[in-house]
Amino acid sequence: MDDRYASGFAMEKLIGRLAGIFAALAMFISCLGLFGLAAYMAEQRTREIGIRKVLGASMGQLVTLLGKEFIVLVGVSCLIASPVAFYFLQHWLEGYYYRISLGPGVFIVSAAMAIVITIVTISVQALKAALMNPVRSLRTEWSSPISSAASSPAWKSKSRKQARSAYNPSPKAQPAASGADAPATYKARR
C-alpha cells in the first residue's frame, strides 16, 4: 500500500526537483543581468556620481541613488507575477484531495527575498561607484580631444618638424592650379 502511494508521488518529486534546479538557474542568470545592468548604469552616471560626491553626498545616498530604480523594477515585477503564480498554483493544488491553502504570506516572503537578492547583487557595483575618486571621474569626463591628443604616445614620438608639416603642408605638396590639371573654377577666373 505504501509503495503504491509513494509511486504516485514519485513524478511530483521529480518535477519539484527539476523546477527547483531551473528556478535556481533562472535566478542566477537574472542576477548576472542585474549585475551587468548595474555596472552599465554606474558607468553611465559616473559624472553625476562624481558631482554629487564633490557636493557632499554620503555613500548611503549614492548607493540609494543607484539601487532605487532596480528595487522599484523588482517590486513591480513581483506585483505582476504574484497573481499569475496564485492562479496557476490554485489550479495545480485543486488536483489533490488534501491540499494547503495559499495565503498572501507566501508571496510577500518571495517578494522580500527577490528584493534582498537584488540589493545584494547591485550593492557591489553601487559601492564601487560610491567609493570611486570623484576627481578622476570628472577629469576623464571633461577631458578635451586636444589635451588627450597631446598626451598620447603617438604625438610625443613625432619630431617637431613632422608635427609642423602635418599641419602646414609644404607648397610642393599642394597641386598646381594652372594648366590642364586645374579645375574648371580656376580656369574660369583667369
N, C-alpha and C. Protein backbone atom coordinates (compact mmCIF):
# COMPACT_ATOMS: atom_id res chain seq x y z
N MET A 1 0.82 -1.19 0.00
CA MET A 1 0.00 0.00 0.00
C MET A 1 0.88 1.27 0.00
N ASP A 2 1.90 1.27 0.88
CA ASP A 2 2.78 2.44 0.94
C ASP A 2 3.58 2.62 -0.35
N ASP A 3 3.95 1.47 -0.98
CA ASP A 3 4.70 1.57 -2.25
C ASP A 3 3.86 2.19 -3.34
N ARG A 4 2.58 1.82 -3.40
CA ARG A 4 1.69 2.41 -4.40
C ARG A 4 1.50 3.90 -4.15
N TYR A 5 1.37 4.25 -2.89
CA TYR A 5 1.18 5.65 -2.53
C TYR A 5 2.43 6.47 -2.87
N ALA A 6 3.61 5.90 -2.57
CA ALA A 6 4.87 6.59 -2.86
C ALA A 6 5.11 6.70 -4.35
N SER A 7 4.74 5.67 -5.12
CA SER A 7 4.96 5.72 -6.57
C SER A 7 4.08 6.77 -7.23
N GLY A 8 2.94 7.07 -6.65
CA GLY A 8 2.08 8.12 -7.18
C GLY A 8 2.69 9.50 -7.06
N PHE A 9 3.54 9.68 -6.07
CA PHE A 9 4.17 10.98 -5.86
C PHE A 9 5.62 11.04 -6.36
N ALA A 10 6.11 9.96 -6.96
CA ALA A 10 7.49 9.96 -7.48
C ALA A 10 7.64 10.99 -8.60
N MET A 11 6.63 11.05 -9.45
CA MET A 11 6.67 12.03 -10.55
C MET A 11 6.61 13.45 -10.00
N GLU A 12 5.83 13.67 -8.97
CA GLU A 12 5.74 15.01 -8.36
C GLU A 12 7.07 15.42 -7.75
N LYS A 13 7.76 14.47 -7.14
CA LYS A 13 9.08 14.78 -6.56
C LYS A 13 10.08 15.13 -7.65
N LEU A 14 10.04 14.38 -8.77
CA LEU A 14 10.94 14.66 -9.88
C LEU A 14 10.66 16.04 -10.48
N ILE A 15 9.39 16.36 -10.67
CA ILE A 15 9.02 17.67 -11.21
C ILE A 15 9.44 18.78 -10.24
N GLY A 16 9.26 18.55 -8.94
CA GLY A 16 9.68 19.54 -7.94
C GLY A 16 11.18 19.77 -7.96
N ARG A 17 11.95 18.67 -8.09
CA ARG A 17 13.40 18.79 -8.14
C ARG A 17 13.84 19.55 -9.39
N LEU A 18 13.25 19.20 -10.53
CA LEU A 18 13.60 19.90 -11.78
C LEU A 18 13.19 21.37 -11.73
N ALA A 19 12.02 21.64 -11.17
CA ALA A 19 11.59 23.04 -11.05
C ALA A 19 12.54 23.82 -10.15
N GLY A 20 13.02 23.21 -9.08
CA GLY A 20 13.98 23.88 -8.20
C GLY A 20 15.29 24.18 -8.90
N ILE A 21 15.78 23.23 -9.70
CA ILE A 21 17.04 23.42 -10.42
C ILE A 21 16.89 24.55 -11.45
N PHE A 22 15.80 24.52 -12.20
CA PHE A 22 15.61 25.55 -13.22
C PHE A 22 15.33 26.92 -12.60
N ALA A 23 14.67 26.93 -11.44
CA ALA A 23 14.44 28.21 -10.76
C ALA A 23 15.76 28.80 -10.28
N ALA A 24 16.65 27.95 -9.75
CA ALA A 24 17.97 28.44 -9.31
C ALA A 24 18.78 28.94 -10.49
N LEU A 25 18.70 28.24 -11.61
CA LEU A 25 19.42 28.67 -12.81
C LEU A 25 18.87 30.00 -13.33
N ALA A 26 17.54 30.14 -13.32
CA ALA A 26 16.93 31.40 -13.76
C ALA A 26 17.31 32.55 -12.83
N MET A 27 17.37 32.30 -11.53
CA MET A 27 17.78 33.35 -10.59
C MET A 27 19.23 33.74 -10.81
N PHE A 28 20.09 32.76 -11.08
CA PHE A 28 21.50 33.07 -11.33
C PHE A 28 21.65 33.91 -12.59
N ILE A 29 20.95 33.57 -13.65
CA ILE A 29 21.04 34.33 -14.90
C ILE A 29 20.47 35.73 -14.70
N SER A 30 19.38 35.86 -13.95
CA SER A 30 18.82 37.19 -13.72
C SER A 30 19.75 38.04 -12.85
N CYS A 31 20.45 37.41 -11.91
CA CYS A 31 21.42 38.15 -11.09
C CYS A 31 22.59 38.63 -11.94
N LEU A 32 23.02 37.81 -12.89
CA LEU A 32 24.07 38.26 -13.81
C LEU A 32 23.61 39.44 -14.65
N GLY A 33 22.36 39.38 -15.09
CA GLY A 33 21.81 40.51 -15.85
C GLY A 33 21.71 41.77 -15.01
N LEU A 34 21.26 41.62 -13.77
CA LEU A 34 21.19 42.77 -12.86
C LEU A 34 22.57 43.35 -12.60
N PHE A 35 23.55 42.47 -12.41
CA PHE A 35 24.91 42.93 -12.15
C PHE A 35 25.45 43.70 -13.35
N GLY A 36 25.23 43.18 -14.55
CA GLY A 36 25.68 43.88 -15.76
C GLY A 36 24.96 45.20 -15.95
N LEU A 37 23.66 45.22 -15.69
CA LEU A 37 22.89 46.46 -15.83
C LEU A 37 23.33 47.50 -14.79
N ALA A 38 23.62 47.04 -13.58
CA ALA A 38 24.10 47.97 -12.55
C ALA A 38 25.47 48.53 -12.92
N ALA A 39 26.33 47.69 -13.49
CA ALA A 39 27.65 48.17 -13.93
C ALA A 39 27.51 49.19 -15.05
N TYR A 40 26.59 48.93 -15.97
CA TYR A 40 26.36 49.87 -17.07
C TYR A 40 25.80 51.19 -16.55
N MET A 41 24.84 51.13 -15.64
CA MET A 41 24.26 52.35 -15.08
C MET A 41 25.30 53.16 -14.31
N ALA A 42 26.13 52.47 -13.55
CA ALA A 42 27.18 53.17 -12.80
C ALA A 42 28.18 53.82 -13.74
N GLU A 43 28.49 53.15 -14.84
CA GLU A 43 29.41 53.72 -15.81
C GLU A 43 28.80 54.93 -16.51
N GLN A 44 27.52 54.86 -16.83
CA GLN A 44 26.85 55.97 -17.50
C GLN A 44 26.67 57.17 -16.58
N ARG A 45 26.57 56.93 -15.29
CA ARG A 45 26.32 58.02 -14.34
C ARG A 45 27.58 58.40 -13.56
N THR A 46 28.73 58.12 -14.11
CA THR A 46 30.00 58.42 -13.43
C THR A 46 30.12 59.90 -13.13
N ARG A 47 29.79 60.72 -14.10
CA ARG A 47 29.91 62.17 -13.91
C ARG A 47 28.94 62.66 -12.85
N GLU A 48 27.70 62.19 -12.87
CA GLU A 48 26.71 62.59 -11.87
C GLU A 48 27.14 62.16 -10.47
N ILE A 49 27.67 60.95 -10.36
CA ILE A 49 28.13 60.46 -9.05
C ILE A 49 29.29 61.30 -8.55
N GLY A 50 30.22 61.64 -9.46
CA GLY A 50 31.35 62.48 -9.08
C GLY A 50 30.91 63.86 -8.60
N ILE A 51 29.96 64.46 -9.30
CA ILE A 51 29.47 65.79 -8.89
C ILE A 51 28.76 65.70 -7.55
N ARG A 52 27.95 64.67 -7.36
CA ARG A 52 27.26 64.51 -6.08
C ARG A 52 28.23 64.30 -4.93
N LYS A 53 29.32 63.55 -5.19
CA LYS A 53 30.31 63.34 -4.13
C LYS A 53 31.02 64.65 -3.78
N VAL A 54 31.34 65.44 -4.81
CA VAL A 54 32.01 66.72 -4.56
C VAL A 54 31.10 67.65 -3.76
N LEU A 55 29.79 67.58 -4.03
CA LEU A 55 28.84 68.43 -3.32
C LEU A 55 28.47 67.89 -1.94
N GLY A 56 29.00 66.74 -1.56
CA GLY A 56 28.84 66.25 -0.19
C GLY A 56 27.87 65.11 0.01
N ALA A 57 27.52 64.37 -1.03
CA ALA A 57 26.61 63.23 -0.87
C ALA A 57 27.32 62.11 -0.12
N SER A 58 26.59 61.46 0.76
CA SER A 58 27.16 60.35 1.52
C SER A 58 27.14 59.07 0.67
N MET A 59 27.85 58.06 1.15
CA MET A 59 27.90 56.81 0.43
C MET A 59 26.51 56.16 0.40
N GLY A 60 25.77 56.26 1.48
CA GLY A 60 24.42 55.71 1.53
C GLY A 60 23.49 56.35 0.52
N GLN A 61 23.62 57.67 0.35
CA GLN A 61 22.80 58.37 -0.64
C GLN A 61 23.13 57.93 -2.06
N LEU A 62 24.41 57.71 -2.33
CA LEU A 62 24.81 57.28 -3.67
C LEU A 62 24.37 55.85 -3.96
N VAL A 63 24.47 54.98 -2.97
CA VAL A 63 24.00 53.60 -3.15
C VAL A 63 22.49 53.59 -3.36
N THR A 64 21.77 54.42 -2.60
CA THR A 64 20.32 54.52 -2.76
C THR A 64 19.97 55.07 -4.14
N LEU A 65 20.75 56.03 -4.61
CA LEU A 65 20.51 56.62 -5.93
C LEU A 65 20.60 55.56 -7.03
N LEU A 66 21.62 54.70 -6.94
CA LEU A 66 21.79 53.68 -7.97
C LEU A 66 20.85 52.50 -7.79
N GLY A 67 20.52 52.16 -6.55
CA GLY A 67 19.72 50.96 -6.30
C GLY A 67 18.23 51.16 -6.33
N LYS A 68 17.77 52.40 -6.20
CA LYS A 68 16.34 52.66 -6.10
C LYS A 68 15.58 52.20 -7.35
N GLU A 69 16.12 52.46 -8.51
CA GLU A 69 15.45 52.09 -9.76
C GLU A 69 15.28 50.57 -9.88
N PHE A 70 16.32 49.84 -9.49
CA PHE A 70 16.26 48.39 -9.59
C PHE A 70 15.25 47.80 -8.61
N ILE A 71 15.21 48.35 -7.42
CA ILE A 71 14.27 47.84 -6.41
C ILE A 71 12.83 48.10 -6.84
N VAL A 72 12.58 49.26 -7.44
CA VAL A 72 11.23 49.56 -7.94
C VAL A 72 10.86 48.58 -9.05
N LEU A 73 11.79 48.30 -9.96
CA LEU A 73 11.52 47.36 -11.04
C LEU A 73 11.22 45.96 -10.52
N VAL A 74 11.99 45.51 -9.54
CA VAL A 74 11.75 44.18 -8.98
C VAL A 74 10.43 44.16 -8.22
N GLY A 75 10.09 45.24 -7.52
CA GLY A 75 8.81 45.31 -6.82
C GLY A 75 7.62 45.25 -7.79
N VAL A 76 7.72 45.96 -8.90
CA VAL A 76 6.66 45.93 -9.90
C VAL A 76 6.54 44.54 -10.52
N SER A 77 7.69 43.91 -10.78
CA SER A 77 7.64 42.56 -11.35
C SER A 77 7.03 41.56 -10.37
N CYS A 78 7.27 41.73 -9.08
CA CYS A 78 6.64 40.86 -8.08
C CYS A 78 5.14 41.09 -8.02
N LEU A 79 4.70 42.35 -8.15
CA LEU A 79 3.26 42.64 -8.17
C LEU A 79 2.57 42.02 -9.39
N ILE A 80 3.29 41.97 -10.51
CA ILE A 80 2.71 41.35 -11.70
C ILE A 80 2.73 39.83 -11.60
N ALA A 81 3.82 39.27 -11.06
CA ALA A 81 3.98 37.81 -11.04
C ALA A 81 3.13 37.14 -9.97
N SER A 82 2.84 37.81 -8.88
CA SER A 82 2.11 37.16 -7.78
C SER A 82 0.70 36.70 -8.17
N PRO A 83 -0.14 37.50 -8.82
CA PRO A 83 -1.46 36.99 -9.21
C PRO A 83 -1.38 35.84 -10.22
N VAL A 84 -0.42 35.92 -11.13
CA VAL A 84 -0.26 34.85 -12.13
C VAL A 84 0.15 33.55 -11.43
N ALA A 85 1.11 33.65 -10.51
CA ALA A 85 1.54 32.46 -9.76
C ALA A 85 0.40 31.92 -8.89
N PHE A 86 -0.39 32.80 -8.29
CA PHE A 86 -1.53 32.36 -7.47
C PHE A 86 -2.53 31.59 -8.33
N TYR A 87 -2.80 32.07 -9.50
CA TYR A 87 -3.75 31.41 -10.39
C TYR A 87 -3.29 30.00 -10.75
N PHE A 88 -2.04 29.86 -11.18
CA PHE A 88 -1.53 28.54 -11.59
C PHE A 88 -1.38 27.60 -10.39
N LEU A 89 -0.97 28.11 -9.26
CA LEU A 89 -0.83 27.25 -8.08
C LEU A 89 -2.19 26.76 -7.58
N GLN A 90 -3.19 27.61 -7.65
CA GLN A 90 -4.54 27.20 -7.25
C GLN A 90 -5.04 26.05 -8.13
N HIS A 91 -4.82 26.16 -9.43
CA HIS A 91 -5.26 25.10 -10.34
C HIS A 91 -4.46 23.82 -10.13
N TRP A 92 -3.19 23.94 -9.79
CA TRP A 92 -2.37 22.76 -9.54
C TRP A 92 -2.80 22.07 -8.25
N LEU A 93 -3.09 22.85 -7.23
CA LEU A 93 -3.49 22.27 -5.94
C LEU A 93 -4.89 21.67 -5.97
N GLU A 94 -5.72 22.07 -6.90
CA GLU A 94 -7.07 21.51 -6.99
C GLU A 94 -7.06 20.03 -7.38
N GLY A 95 -5.96 19.55 -7.90
CA GLY A 95 -5.84 18.14 -8.27
C GLY A 95 -5.63 17.22 -7.08
N TYR A 96 -5.48 17.76 -5.89
CA TYR A 96 -5.23 16.96 -4.68
C TYR A 96 -6.44 17.03 -3.75
N TYR A 97 -6.70 15.90 -3.14
CA TYR A 97 -7.83 15.85 -2.20
C TYR A 97 -7.48 16.61 -0.92
N TYR A 98 -6.27 16.33 -0.39
CA TYR A 98 -5.78 17.05 0.78
C TYR A 98 -4.79 18.09 0.30
N ARG A 99 -5.10 19.33 0.50
CA ARG A 99 -4.23 20.39 -0.01
C ARG A 99 -4.15 21.53 0.99
N ILE A 100 -3.15 22.36 0.77
CA ILE A 100 -2.97 23.54 1.61
C ILE A 100 -3.67 24.72 0.95
N SER A 101 -3.89 25.74 1.71
CA SER A 101 -4.45 26.96 1.14
C SER A 101 -3.32 27.98 1.00
N LEU A 102 -3.36 28.72 -0.08
CA LEU A 102 -2.33 29.73 -0.32
C LEU A 102 -2.79 31.06 0.26
N GLY A 103 -1.92 31.65 1.06
CA GLY A 103 -2.21 32.97 1.62
C GLY A 103 -1.26 34.00 1.05
N PRO A 104 -1.44 35.23 1.41
CA PRO A 104 -0.56 36.28 0.90
C PRO A 104 0.86 36.21 1.48
N GLY A 105 1.04 35.52 2.58
CA GLY A 105 2.36 35.43 3.20
C GLY A 105 3.41 34.81 2.30
N VAL A 106 3.01 33.81 1.52
CA VAL A 106 3.95 33.15 0.61
C VAL A 106 4.48 34.14 -0.42
N PHE A 107 3.61 34.97 -0.94
CA PHE A 107 4.02 35.91 -1.98
C PHE A 107 4.78 37.10 -1.40
N ILE A 108 4.45 37.48 -0.18
CA ILE A 108 5.19 38.56 0.48
C ILE A 108 6.61 38.12 0.79
N VAL A 109 6.76 36.90 1.28
CA VAL A 109 8.10 36.38 1.57
C VAL A 109 8.92 36.24 0.29
N SER A 110 8.31 35.75 -0.78
CA SER A 110 9.05 35.60 -2.04
C SER A 110 9.43 36.96 -2.62
N ALA A 111 8.57 37.96 -2.50
CA ALA A 111 8.91 39.31 -2.97
C ALA A 111 10.05 39.90 -2.15
N ALA A 112 10.00 39.68 -0.83
CA ALA A 112 11.08 40.18 0.04
C ALA A 112 12.40 39.51 -0.31
N MET A 113 12.37 38.21 -0.58
CA MET A 113 13.60 37.51 -0.96
C MET A 113 14.13 38.03 -2.30
N ALA A 114 13.25 38.32 -3.23
CA ALA A 114 13.68 38.85 -4.53
C ALA A 114 14.33 40.22 -4.37
N ILE A 115 13.76 41.04 -3.49
CA ILE A 115 14.33 42.38 -3.27
C ILE A 115 15.68 42.28 -2.56
N VAL A 116 15.80 41.36 -1.61
CA VAL A 116 17.09 41.17 -0.92
C VAL A 116 18.15 40.68 -1.90
N ILE A 117 17.80 39.74 -2.77
CA ILE A 117 18.75 39.26 -3.77
C ILE A 117 19.15 40.39 -4.71
N THR A 118 18.22 41.26 -5.06
CA THR A 118 18.52 42.40 -5.91
C THR A 118 19.49 43.35 -5.23
N ILE A 119 19.23 43.63 -3.96
CA ILE A 119 20.10 44.56 -3.22
C ILE A 119 21.51 44.00 -3.11
N VAL A 120 21.62 42.71 -2.82
CA VAL A 120 22.94 42.09 -2.70
C VAL A 120 23.66 42.12 -4.05
N THR A 121 22.92 41.87 -5.12
CA THR A 121 23.53 41.83 -6.45
C THR A 121 24.06 43.19 -6.89
N ILE A 122 23.27 44.24 -6.68
CA ILE A 122 23.70 45.56 -7.18
C ILE A 122 24.56 46.32 -6.18
N SER A 123 24.63 45.85 -4.95
CA SER A 123 25.40 46.60 -3.95
C SER A 123 26.88 46.63 -4.28
N VAL A 124 27.38 45.60 -4.93
CA VAL A 124 28.80 45.57 -5.29
C VAL A 124 29.13 46.72 -6.24
N GLN A 125 28.34 46.86 -7.29
CA GLN A 125 28.59 47.94 -8.24
C GLN A 125 28.28 49.31 -7.65
N ALA A 126 27.25 49.39 -6.83
CA ALA A 126 26.90 50.67 -6.22
C ALA A 126 28.00 51.13 -5.26
N LEU A 127 28.53 50.22 -4.47
CA LEU A 127 29.62 50.59 -3.55
C LEU A 127 30.89 50.94 -4.32
N LYS A 128 31.15 50.22 -5.39
CA LYS A 128 32.32 50.53 -6.21
C LYS A 128 32.22 51.93 -6.80
N ALA A 129 31.04 52.29 -7.28
CA ALA A 129 30.84 53.63 -7.85
C ALA A 129 30.88 54.69 -6.76
N ALA A 130 30.37 54.39 -5.57
CA ALA A 130 30.35 55.36 -4.48
C ALA A 130 31.74 55.59 -3.91
N LEU A 131 32.61 54.60 -3.95
CA LEU A 131 33.95 54.74 -3.39
C LEU A 131 34.97 55.28 -4.40
N MET A 132 34.55 55.49 -5.64
CA MET A 132 35.44 55.98 -6.67
C MET A 132 35.85 57.43 -6.40
N ASN A 133 37.04 57.79 -6.81
CA ASN A 133 37.56 59.14 -6.63
C ASN A 133 36.81 60.09 -7.56
N PRO A 134 36.12 61.11 -7.03
CA PRO A 134 35.34 62.00 -7.90
C PRO A 134 36.19 62.83 -8.84
N VAL A 135 37.40 63.18 -8.43
CA VAL A 135 38.27 63.99 -9.28
C VAL A 135 38.63 63.21 -10.54
N ARG A 136 38.91 61.94 -10.36
CA ARG A 136 39.28 61.10 -11.50
C ARG A 136 38.11 60.96 -12.48
N SER A 137 36.92 60.75 -11.94
CA SER A 137 35.76 60.59 -12.82
C SER A 137 35.44 61.89 -13.56
N LEU A 138 35.57 63.02 -12.89
CA LEU A 138 35.29 64.30 -13.54
C LEU A 138 36.38 64.67 -14.54
N ARG A 139 37.61 64.32 -14.24
CA ARG A 139 38.71 64.65 -15.15
C ARG A 139 38.58 63.85 -16.45
N THR A 140 38.28 62.57 -16.36
CA THR A 140 38.16 61.77 -17.57
C THR A 140 36.92 62.18 -18.35
N GLU A 141 35.89 62.65 -17.68
CA GLU A 141 34.67 63.05 -18.37
C GLU A 141 34.85 64.38 -19.10
N TRP A 142 35.62 65.29 -18.52
CA TRP A 142 35.74 66.63 -19.08
C TRP A 142 36.99 66.83 -19.93
N SER A 143 37.77 65.79 -20.18
CA SER A 143 39.00 65.98 -20.95
C SER A 143 38.65 66.28 -22.40
N SER A 144 39.38 67.19 -22.99
CA SER A 144 39.11 67.60 -24.37
C SER A 144 39.92 66.74 -25.32
N PRO A 145 39.54 66.69 -26.59
CA PRO A 145 40.29 65.90 -27.56
C PRO A 145 41.70 66.43 -27.76
N ILE A 146 41.89 67.74 -27.62
CA ILE A 146 43.22 68.32 -27.82
C ILE A 146 44.16 67.87 -26.70
N SER A 147 43.68 67.92 -25.46
CA SER A 147 44.55 67.52 -24.36
C SER A 147 44.83 66.04 -24.39
N SER A 148 43.85 65.22 -24.84
CA SER A 148 44.11 63.79 -24.91
C SER A 148 45.04 63.47 -26.07
N ALA A 149 44.97 64.24 -27.17
CA ALA A 149 45.89 64.01 -28.29
C ALA A 149 47.30 64.45 -27.93
N ALA A 150 47.41 65.51 -27.15
CA ALA A 150 48.73 65.99 -26.76
C ALA A 150 49.43 65.03 -25.82
N SER A 151 48.66 64.26 -25.07
CA SER A 151 49.30 63.35 -24.12
C SER A 151 49.45 61.94 -24.68
N SER A 152 49.04 61.71 -25.93
CA SER A 152 49.14 60.37 -26.49
C SER A 152 50.57 60.07 -26.88
N PRO A 153 51.00 58.82 -26.81
CA PRO A 153 52.38 58.46 -27.16
C PRO A 153 52.70 58.71 -28.63
N ALA A 154 51.72 58.61 -29.53
CA ALA A 154 52.00 58.84 -30.95
C ALA A 154 52.39 60.30 -31.19
N TRP A 155 51.79 61.22 -30.49
CA TRP A 155 52.10 62.63 -30.64
C TRP A 155 53.50 62.92 -30.11
N LYS A 156 53.85 62.30 -28.99
CA LYS A 156 55.15 62.56 -28.39
C LYS A 156 56.29 61.98 -29.23
N SER A 157 56.00 60.94 -29.99
CA SER A 157 57.07 60.32 -30.76
C SER A 157 57.42 61.11 -32.02
N LYS A 158 56.55 61.98 -32.48
CA LYS A 158 56.83 62.76 -33.68
C LYS A 158 57.81 63.88 -33.36
N SER A 159 58.63 64.17 -34.31
CA SER A 159 59.54 65.29 -34.12
C SER A 159 58.77 66.58 -34.40
N ARG A 160 59.36 67.70 -34.06
CA ARG A 160 58.71 68.98 -34.28
C ARG A 160 58.49 69.26 -35.76
N LYS A 161 59.46 68.87 -36.55
CA LYS A 161 59.37 69.11 -37.98
C LYS A 161 58.22 68.29 -38.59
N GLN A 162 58.08 67.03 -38.17
CA GLN A 162 57.00 66.19 -38.68
C GLN A 162 55.64 66.73 -38.23
N ALA A 163 55.58 67.20 -36.99
CA ALA A 163 54.32 67.73 -36.47
C ALA A 163 53.92 69.00 -37.22
N ARG A 164 54.90 69.88 -37.49
CA ARG A 164 54.61 71.10 -38.21
C ARG A 164 54.16 70.80 -39.64
N SER A 165 54.82 69.84 -40.27
CA SER A 165 54.46 69.53 -41.66
C SER A 165 53.08 68.88 -41.75
N ALA A 166 52.63 68.27 -40.69
CA ALA A 166 51.29 67.67 -40.70
C ALA A 166 50.23 68.76 -40.71
N TYR A 167 50.51 69.91 -40.07
CA TYR A 167 49.53 70.99 -40.02
C TYR A 167 49.77 72.06 -41.08
N ASN A 168 51.01 72.23 -41.51
CA ASN A 168 51.36 73.22 -42.55
C ASN A 168 52.05 72.50 -43.68
N PRO A 169 51.30 71.97 -44.61
CA PRO A 169 51.96 71.24 -45.70
C PRO A 169 52.82 72.18 -46.55
N SER A 170 53.87 71.64 -47.07
CA SER A 170 54.79 72.46 -47.89
C SER A 170 54.13 72.79 -49.22
N PRO A 171 54.59 73.88 -49.87
CA PRO A 171 53.99 74.26 -51.15
C PRO A 171 54.17 73.20 -52.23
N LYS A 172 55.19 72.35 -52.11
CA LYS A 172 55.43 71.32 -53.10
C LYS A 172 54.31 70.28 -53.07
N ALA A 173 53.74 70.06 -51.91
CA ALA A 173 52.72 69.01 -51.77
C ALA A 173 51.37 69.46 -52.31
N GLN A 174 51.17 70.80 -52.51
CA GLN A 174 49.88 71.29 -52.98
C GLN A 174 49.84 71.18 -54.51
N PRO A 175 48.67 70.81 -55.06
CA PRO A 175 48.59 70.68 -56.53
C PRO A 175 48.61 72.06 -57.19
N ALA A 176 49.15 72.09 -58.35
CA ALA A 176 49.21 73.34 -59.13
C ALA A 176 47.82 73.65 -59.66
N ALA A 177 47.47 74.93 -59.65
CA ALA A 177 46.13 75.34 -60.09
C ALA A 177 46.14 75.90 -61.50
N SER A 178 47.10 75.51 -62.32
CA SER A 178 47.15 76.03 -63.69
C SER A 178 47.33 74.87 -64.65
N GLY A 179 47.04 75.11 -65.88
CA GLY A 179 47.25 74.09 -66.90
C GLY A 179 46.05 73.19 -67.04
N ALA A 180 46.29 72.02 -67.61
CA ALA A 180 45.21 71.08 -67.92
C ALA A 180 44.65 70.42 -66.66
N ASP A 181 45.47 70.34 -65.61
CA ASP A 181 45.03 69.67 -64.38
C ASP A 181 44.16 70.55 -63.51
N ALA A 182 44.05 71.83 -63.79
CA ALA A 182 43.32 72.75 -62.93
C ALA A 182 41.81 72.53 -63.06
N PRO A 183 41.11 72.67 -61.97
CA PRO A 183 39.65 72.53 -62.04
C PRO A 183 39.03 73.65 -62.86
N ALA A 184 37.79 73.47 -63.25
CA ALA A 184 37.10 74.42 -64.12
C ALA A 184 36.93 75.77 -63.44
N THR A 185 36.78 75.80 -62.13
CA THR A 185 36.59 77.08 -61.43
C THR A 185 37.83 77.92 -61.53
N TYR A 186 39.01 77.32 -61.46
CA TYR A 186 40.24 78.08 -61.57
C TYR A 186 40.42 78.62 -62.99
N LYS A 187 40.06 77.85 -63.98
CA LYS A 187 40.20 78.27 -65.36
C LYS A 187 39.26 79.42 -65.69
N ALA A 188 38.06 79.38 -65.08
CA ALA A 188 37.08 80.43 -65.37
C ALA A 188 37.53 81.76 -64.81
N ARG A 189 38.27 81.78 -63.75
CA ARG A 189 38.72 83.04 -63.14
C ARG A 189 39.79 83.70 -63.98
N ARG A 190 40.55 82.97 -64.71
CA ARG A 190 41.67 83.54 -65.48
C ARG A 190 41.18 84.25 -66.63
